Amino acid sequence: MSNENIVFDHVHLVSKDPEPAAAWYAEKLGGRVVSSSEVRGAPSIVVAFKGATIIIRGQRPGEQVKEKTGIEWGMDHFGLRVDGDFDGFCEDLKRNGVKFTVDPMDFGPTARIAFIEAPDGVSIELLQRKG
């Protein structure tokens, strides 16, 4: 079976407070809010990056949502590639109050990585491919 017809489309997050969460992704990481609407009774906000989309929605009527208490089975984090000055980008994030859970470090000979904490307990890997 070929995977030529499969293209990554988006990450979908559930947020206690979607508007400030979307603003965080726009202000801290440079995303652009491209739409905001109500879908099935909850706010739904689309934040676009170069080559990546994050959809942030609120709690829908009748849903039971629980706090994330740490690492769980399933998705652990998502990664965003940083082109250009990786360490400078990370320093700018720190100056803007972004919490790093792993400071910038070399991850083998082919990548430099860091992890940041986003709203609602979301973990994001920042990475730069070398070479």
N, C-alpha and C. Protein backbone atom coordinates (compact mmCIF):
# COMPACT_ATOMS: atom_id res chain seq x y z
N MET A 1 0.84 -1.18 0.00
CA MET A 1 0.00 0.00 0.00
C MET A 1 0.89 1.25 0.00
N SER A 2 0.60 2.18 -0.87
CA SER A 2 1.38 3.39 -1.00
C SER A 2 0.81 4.48 -0.10
N ASN A 3 1.68 5.35 0.39
CA ASN A 3 1.22 6.46 1.22
C ASN A 3 1.27 7.79 0.48
N GLU A 4 1.35 7.77 -0.84
CA GLU A 4 1.47 9.00 -1.62
C GLU A 4 0.24 9.90 -1.50
N ASN A 5 -0.90 9.35 -1.10
CA ASN A 5 -2.11 10.14 -0.98
C ASN A 5 -2.34 10.69 0.42
N ILE A 6 -1.44 10.40 1.34
CA ILE A 6 -1.58 10.88 2.71
C ILE A 6 -0.68 12.08 2.91
N VAL A 7 -1.28 13.20 3.34
CA VAL A 7 -0.55 14.42 3.61
C VAL A 7 -0.98 14.92 4.99
N PHE A 8 -0.02 15.23 5.85
CA PHE A 8 -0.36 15.74 7.18
C PHE A 8 -1.15 17.03 7.02
N ASP A 9 -2.25 17.17 7.79
CA ASP A 9 -3.11 18.33 7.64
C ASP A 9 -3.08 19.26 8.86
N HIS A 10 -3.31 18.76 10.08
CA HIS A 10 -3.38 19.65 11.23
C HIS A 10 -3.22 18.90 12.55
N VAL A 11 -3.00 19.68 13.60
CA VAL A 11 -3.07 19.22 14.98
C VAL A 11 -4.32 19.87 15.56
N HIS A 12 -5.10 19.09 16.31
CA HIS A 12 -6.36 19.59 16.87
C HIS A 12 -6.26 19.54 18.39
N LEU A 13 -6.41 20.70 19.03
CA LEU A 13 -6.27 20.79 20.48
C LEU A 13 -7.60 21.19 21.11
N VAL A 14 -7.85 20.68 22.31
CA VAL A 14 -9.02 21.09 23.09
C VAL A 14 -8.50 21.98 24.21
N SER A 15 -9.09 23.17 24.33
CA SER A 15 -8.60 24.16 25.28
C SER A 15 -9.69 24.62 26.23
N LYS A 16 -9.31 24.85 27.50
CA LYS A 16 -10.23 25.44 28.48
C LYS A 16 -10.63 26.85 28.06
N ASP A 17 -9.72 27.55 27.41
CA ASP A 17 -9.93 28.94 27.04
C ASP A 17 -9.31 29.17 25.65
N PRO A 18 -10.04 28.81 24.58
CA PRO A 18 -9.46 28.78 23.25
C PRO A 18 -8.93 30.12 22.71
N GLU A 19 -9.61 31.23 23.02
CA GLU A 19 -9.16 32.50 22.47
C GLU A 19 -7.77 32.89 22.99
N PRO A 20 -7.53 32.87 24.31
CA PRO A 20 -6.17 33.17 24.79
C PRO A 20 -5.15 32.13 24.32
N ALA A 21 -5.56 30.88 24.20
CA ALA A 21 -4.63 29.85 23.72
C ALA A 21 -4.21 30.16 22.28
N ALA A 22 -5.17 30.48 21.43
CA ALA A 22 -4.86 30.83 20.03
C ALA A 22 -3.96 32.06 19.98
N ALA A 23 -4.24 33.04 20.84
CA ALA A 23 -3.41 34.24 20.89
C ALA A 23 -1.98 33.89 21.29
N TRP A 24 -1.81 32.92 22.21
CA TRP A 24 -0.48 32.49 22.63
C TRP A 24 0.30 31.94 21.43
N TYR A 25 -0.33 31.06 20.65
CA TYR A 25 0.34 30.47 19.48
C TYR A 25 0.69 31.55 18.46
N ALA A 26 -0.16 32.55 18.32
CA ALA A 26 0.12 33.64 17.39
C ALA A 26 1.23 34.55 17.91
N GLU A 27 1.10 34.99 19.16
CA GLU A 27 2.05 35.95 19.71
C GLU A 27 3.42 35.34 20.02
N LYS A 28 3.44 34.17 20.61
CA LYS A 28 4.71 33.58 21.04
C LYS A 28 5.44 32.87 19.91
N LEU A 29 4.70 32.17 19.03
CA LEU A 29 5.34 31.36 18.00
C LEU A 29 5.20 31.94 16.60
N GLY A 30 4.49 33.05 16.45
CA GLY A 30 4.40 33.68 15.15
C GLY A 30 3.36 33.10 14.22
N GLY A 31 2.41 32.35 14.77
CA GLY A 31 1.31 31.85 13.94
C GLY A 31 0.36 32.97 13.57
N ARG A 32 -0.57 32.67 12.71
CA ARG A 32 -1.54 33.67 12.26
C ARG A 32 -2.93 33.08 12.41
N VAL A 33 -3.79 33.74 13.19
CA VAL A 33 -5.18 33.30 13.33
C VAL A 33 -5.86 33.57 11.99
N VAL A 34 -6.33 32.49 11.33
CA VAL A 34 -6.92 32.64 10.00
C VAL A 34 -8.43 32.49 10.02
N SER A 35 -8.98 31.88 11.08
CA SER A 35 -10.44 31.82 11.19
C SER A 35 -10.84 31.54 12.62
N SER A 36 -12.05 31.98 12.94
CA SER A 36 -12.63 31.75 14.25
C SER A 36 -14.12 31.58 14.04
N SER A 37 -14.66 30.46 14.52
CA SER A 37 -16.07 30.19 14.32
C SER A 37 -16.58 29.31 15.46
N GLU A 38 -17.85 28.99 15.42
CA GLU A 38 -18.42 28.05 16.37
C GLU A 38 -18.72 26.77 15.60
N VAL A 39 -18.25 25.65 16.14
CA VAL A 39 -18.48 24.34 15.53
C VAL A 39 -19.04 23.41 16.59
N ARG A 40 -20.23 22.91 16.35
CA ARG A 40 -20.89 21.98 17.27
C ARG A 40 -20.95 22.53 18.69
N GLY A 41 -21.24 23.82 18.80
CA GLY A 41 -21.47 24.43 20.10
C GLY A 41 -20.24 24.92 20.84
N ALA A 42 -19.07 24.91 20.18
CA ALA A 42 -17.86 25.36 20.85
C ALA A 42 -17.04 26.24 19.90
N PRO A 43 -16.29 27.19 20.45
CA PRO A 43 -15.42 27.99 19.60
C PRO A 43 -14.37 27.10 18.94
N SER A 44 -14.03 27.44 17.71
CA SER A 44 -12.99 26.72 16.96
C SER A 44 -12.15 27.76 16.24
N ILE A 45 -10.85 27.78 16.55
CA ILE A 45 -9.94 28.80 16.03
C ILE A 45 -8.81 28.10 15.29
N VAL A 46 -8.53 28.57 14.07
CA VAL A 46 -7.47 27.99 13.26
C VAL A 46 -6.28 28.94 13.27
N VAL A 47 -5.11 28.40 13.65
CA VAL A 47 -3.87 29.15 13.66
C VAL A 47 -2.95 28.51 12.63
N ALA A 48 -2.48 29.31 11.66
CA ALA A 48 -1.66 28.80 10.58
C ALA A 48 -0.20 29.20 10.75
N PHE A 49 0.67 28.28 10.39
CA PHE A 49 2.11 28.49 10.33
C PHE A 49 2.53 28.10 8.92
N LYS A 50 3.75 28.36 8.57
CA LYS A 50 4.27 27.91 7.29
C LYS A 50 4.30 26.38 7.29
N GLY A 51 3.37 25.76 6.57
CA GLY A 51 3.35 24.31 6.45
C GLY A 51 2.68 23.56 7.59
N ALA A 52 2.07 24.25 8.54
CA ALA A 52 1.42 23.57 9.66
C ALA A 52 0.18 24.34 10.08
N THR A 53 -0.82 23.62 10.55
CA THR A 53 -2.05 24.24 11.03
C THR A 53 -2.40 23.64 12.39
N ILE A 54 -2.80 24.51 13.32
CA ILE A 54 -3.28 24.07 14.62
C ILE A 54 -4.72 24.56 14.76
N ILE A 55 -5.62 23.64 15.09
CA ILE A 55 -7.01 23.98 15.35
C ILE A 55 -7.21 23.88 16.86
N ILE A 56 -7.72 24.96 17.45
CA ILE A 56 -7.93 25.00 18.89
C ILE A 56 -9.42 25.18 19.12
N ARG A 57 -10.00 24.23 19.86
CA ARG A 57 -11.44 24.34 20.11
C ARG A 57 -11.72 24.28 21.60
N GLY A 58 -12.89 24.77 21.95
CA GLY A 58 -13.34 24.73 23.33
C GLY A 58 -14.12 23.46 23.62
N GLN A 59 -14.59 23.39 24.85
CA GLN A 59 -15.39 22.25 25.30
C GLN A 59 -16.78 22.34 24.69
N ARG A 60 -17.24 21.25 24.12
CA ARG A 60 -18.57 21.21 23.52
C ARG A 60 -19.61 20.87 24.58
N PRO A 61 -20.85 21.32 24.38
CA PRO A 61 -21.91 20.99 25.34
C PRO A 61 -22.00 19.48 25.57
N GLY A 62 -22.06 19.09 26.84
CA GLY A 62 -22.19 17.69 27.20
C GLY A 62 -20.88 16.93 27.28
N GLU A 63 -19.76 17.52 26.86
CA GLU A 63 -18.47 16.83 26.94
C GLU A 63 -17.92 16.88 28.36
N GLN A 64 -17.24 15.83 28.75
CA GLN A 64 -16.51 15.80 30.01
C GLN A 64 -15.03 15.82 29.67
N VAL A 65 -14.35 16.90 30.01
CA VAL A 65 -12.93 17.05 29.70
C VAL A 65 -12.16 17.06 31.01
N LYS A 66 -11.04 16.33 31.06
CA LYS A 66 -10.26 16.28 32.29
C LYS A 66 -8.90 16.93 32.08
N GLU A 67 -8.29 17.35 33.17
CA GLU A 67 -6.96 17.95 33.14
C GLU A 67 -5.93 16.90 32.75
N LYS A 68 -4.92 17.32 32.03
CA LYS A 68 -3.79 16.45 31.71
C LYS A 68 -2.85 16.49 32.92
N THR A 69 -2.51 15.33 33.45
CA THR A 69 -1.72 15.28 34.68
C THR A 69 -0.28 14.86 34.45
N GLY A 70 0.12 14.68 33.23
CA GLY A 70 1.48 14.24 32.93
C GLY A 70 1.48 13.41 31.66
N ILE A 71 2.53 12.64 31.50
CA ILE A 71 2.64 11.82 30.29
C ILE A 71 1.53 10.78 30.27
N GLU A 72 0.96 10.58 29.09
CA GLU A 72 -0.14 9.64 28.91
C GLU A 72 0.13 8.81 27.66
N TRP A 73 -0.59 7.72 27.54
CA TRP A 73 -0.54 6.95 26.29
C TRP A 73 -1.09 7.83 25.18
N GLY A 74 -0.63 7.63 24.00
CA GLY A 74 -1.09 8.44 22.87
C GLY A 74 -0.08 9.53 22.55
N MET A 75 -0.53 10.59 21.95
CA MET A 75 0.38 11.65 21.53
C MET A 75 1.06 12.30 22.72
N ASP A 76 2.37 12.39 22.65
CA ASP A 76 3.16 13.00 23.71
C ASP A 76 3.42 14.48 23.41
N HIS A 77 3.75 14.81 22.17
CA HIS A 77 4.04 16.18 21.79
C HIS A 77 3.93 16.29 20.27
N PHE A 78 3.98 17.53 19.78
CA PHE A 78 4.15 17.71 18.35
C PHE A 78 5.36 18.60 18.15
N GLY A 79 5.95 18.53 16.96
CA GLY A 79 7.17 19.27 16.68
C GLY A 79 6.97 20.34 15.63
N LEU A 80 7.64 21.46 15.85
CA LEU A 80 7.68 22.55 14.89
C LEU A 80 9.14 22.79 14.50
N ARG A 81 9.41 22.77 13.21
CA ARG A 81 10.77 23.02 12.73
C ARG A 81 11.03 24.52 12.71
N VAL A 82 12.20 24.90 13.17
CA VAL A 82 12.63 26.29 13.17
C VAL A 82 13.73 26.44 12.12
N ASP A 83 13.48 27.27 11.13
CA ASP A 83 14.50 27.59 10.13
C ASP A 83 15.22 28.85 10.59
N GLY A 84 16.50 28.95 10.31
CA GLY A 84 17.26 30.14 10.70
C GLY A 84 17.97 29.95 12.02
N ASP A 85 18.09 31.03 12.79
CA ASP A 85 18.85 31.04 14.04
C ASP A 85 18.05 30.38 15.17
N PHE A 86 18.28 29.10 15.38
CA PHE A 86 17.54 28.32 16.37
C PHE A 86 17.73 28.87 17.78
N ASP A 87 18.98 29.05 18.18
CA ASP A 87 19.25 29.51 19.55
C ASP A 87 18.73 30.93 19.77
N GLY A 88 18.83 31.79 18.78
CA GLY A 88 18.28 33.13 18.88
C GLY A 88 16.77 33.11 19.02
N PHE A 89 16.11 32.23 18.26
CA PHE A 89 14.66 32.08 18.35
C PHE A 89 14.27 31.64 19.76
N CYS A 90 15.00 30.66 20.30
CA CYS A 90 14.71 30.17 21.65
C CYS A 90 14.94 31.26 22.69
N GLU A 91 15.99 32.04 22.55
CA GLU A 91 16.25 33.13 23.49
C GLU A 91 15.13 34.16 23.43
N ASP A 92 14.62 34.46 22.23
CA ASP A 92 13.48 35.38 22.11
C ASP A 92 12.25 34.84 22.84
N LEU A 93 12.00 33.53 22.69
CA LEU A 93 10.86 32.92 23.39
C LEU A 93 11.03 33.06 24.90
N LYS A 94 12.22 32.78 25.40
CA LYS A 94 12.47 32.91 26.84
C LYS A 94 12.22 34.33 27.32
N ARG A 95 12.71 35.31 26.55
CA ARG A 95 12.50 36.71 26.92
C ARG A 95 11.01 37.07 26.92
N ASN A 96 10.23 36.35 26.12
CA ASN A 96 8.78 36.59 26.03
C ASN A 96 7.98 35.71 26.98
N GLY A 97 8.67 35.06 27.93
CA GLY A 97 7.98 34.33 28.97
C GLY A 97 7.57 32.91 28.66
N VAL A 98 8.07 32.34 27.55
CA VAL A 98 7.74 30.95 27.23
C VAL A 98 8.56 30.03 28.13
N LYS A 99 7.89 29.05 28.73
CA LYS A 99 8.55 28.11 29.63
C LYS A 99 9.16 26.96 28.83
N PHE A 100 10.45 26.74 29.03
CA PHE A 100 11.16 25.63 28.41
C PHE A 100 11.20 24.46 29.39
N THR A 101 10.82 23.28 28.91
CA THR A 101 10.93 22.08 29.74
C THR A 101 12.23 21.34 29.41
N VAL A 102 12.78 21.58 28.22
CA VAL A 102 14.11 21.10 27.84
C VAL A 102 14.78 22.25 27.09
N ASP A 103 15.90 22.73 27.62
CA ASP A 103 16.62 23.81 26.95
C ASP A 103 17.24 23.33 25.64
N PRO A 104 17.57 24.26 24.74
CA PRO A 104 18.18 23.86 23.47
C PRO A 104 19.38 22.95 23.67
N MET A 105 19.42 21.90 22.87
CA MET A 105 20.50 20.92 22.97
C MET A 105 20.67 20.21 21.64
N ASP A 106 21.88 19.70 21.40
CA ASP A 106 22.10 18.87 20.22
C ASP A 106 21.49 17.51 20.48
N PHE A 107 20.80 17.01 19.49
CA PHE A 107 20.18 15.68 19.57
C PHE A 107 20.80 14.84 18.46
N GLY A 108 21.97 14.30 18.76
CA GLY A 108 22.72 13.58 17.75
C GLY A 108 23.34 14.55 16.76
N PRO A 109 23.92 14.02 15.71
CA PRO A 109 24.63 14.88 14.76
C PRO A 109 23.72 15.60 13.76
N THR A 110 22.43 15.28 13.73
CA THR A 110 21.58 15.82 12.66
C THR A 110 20.50 16.80 13.12
N ALA A 111 20.39 17.06 14.44
CA ALA A 111 19.31 17.94 14.87
C ALA A 111 19.67 18.67 16.16
N ARG A 112 19.07 19.83 16.34
CA ARG A 112 19.12 20.58 17.59
C ARG A 112 17.67 20.73 18.03
N ILE A 113 17.39 20.47 19.31
CA ILE A 113 16.00 20.46 19.78
C ILE A 113 15.85 21.23 21.08
N ALA A 114 14.61 21.55 21.41
CA ALA A 114 14.21 22.10 22.70
C ALA A 114 12.74 21.76 22.86
N PHE A 115 12.23 21.78 24.08
CA PHE A 115 10.81 21.56 24.34
C PHE A 115 10.26 22.74 25.12
N ILE A 116 9.05 23.17 24.74
CA ILE A 116 8.38 24.26 25.43
C ILE A 116 7.01 23.79 25.89
N GLU A 117 6.49 24.52 26.89
CA GLU A 117 5.16 24.23 27.42
C GLU A 117 4.18 25.25 26.84
N ALA A 118 3.13 24.76 26.21
CA ALA A 118 2.09 25.61 25.64
C ALA A 118 0.86 25.56 26.55
N PRO A 119 -0.15 26.38 26.28
CA PRO A 119 -1.37 26.33 27.10
C PRO A 119 -2.00 24.94 27.12
N ASP A 120 -2.73 24.65 28.17
CA ASP A 120 -3.50 23.41 28.33
C ASP A 120 -2.63 22.17 28.43
N GLY A 121 -1.40 22.32 28.91
CA GLY A 121 -0.52 21.17 29.12
C GLY A 121 0.06 20.60 27.84
N VAL A 122 0.04 21.34 26.75
CA VAL A 122 0.57 20.85 25.47
C VAL A 122 2.09 21.00 25.47
N SER A 123 2.78 19.95 25.02
CA SER A 123 4.23 19.96 24.89
C SER A 123 4.59 20.09 23.42
N ILE A 124 5.49 21.03 23.12
CA ILE A 124 5.92 21.26 21.74
C ILE A 124 7.43 21.10 21.65
N GLU A 125 7.86 20.29 20.70
CA GLU A 125 9.28 20.17 20.40
C GLU A 125 9.62 21.18 19.31
N LEU A 126 10.63 21.98 19.56
CA LEU A 126 11.19 22.84 18.54
C LEU A 126 12.43 22.13 18.01
N LEU A 127 12.59 22.07 16.70
CA LEU A 127 13.77 21.39 16.18
C LEU A 127 14.32 22.08 14.97
N GLN A 128 15.62 21.91 14.81
CA GLN A 128 16.30 22.40 13.62
C GLN A 128 17.13 21.27 13.07
N ARG A 129 16.89 20.93 11.83
CA ARG A 129 17.65 19.90 11.17
C ARG A 129 19.00 20.48 10.75
N LYS A 130 20.05 19.71 10.98
CA LYS A 130 21.40 20.15 10.59
C LYS A 130 21.78 19.52 9.25
N GLY A 131 22.59 20.25 8.53
CA GLY A 131 23.15 19.71 7.29
C GLY A 131 22.26 19.72 6.20
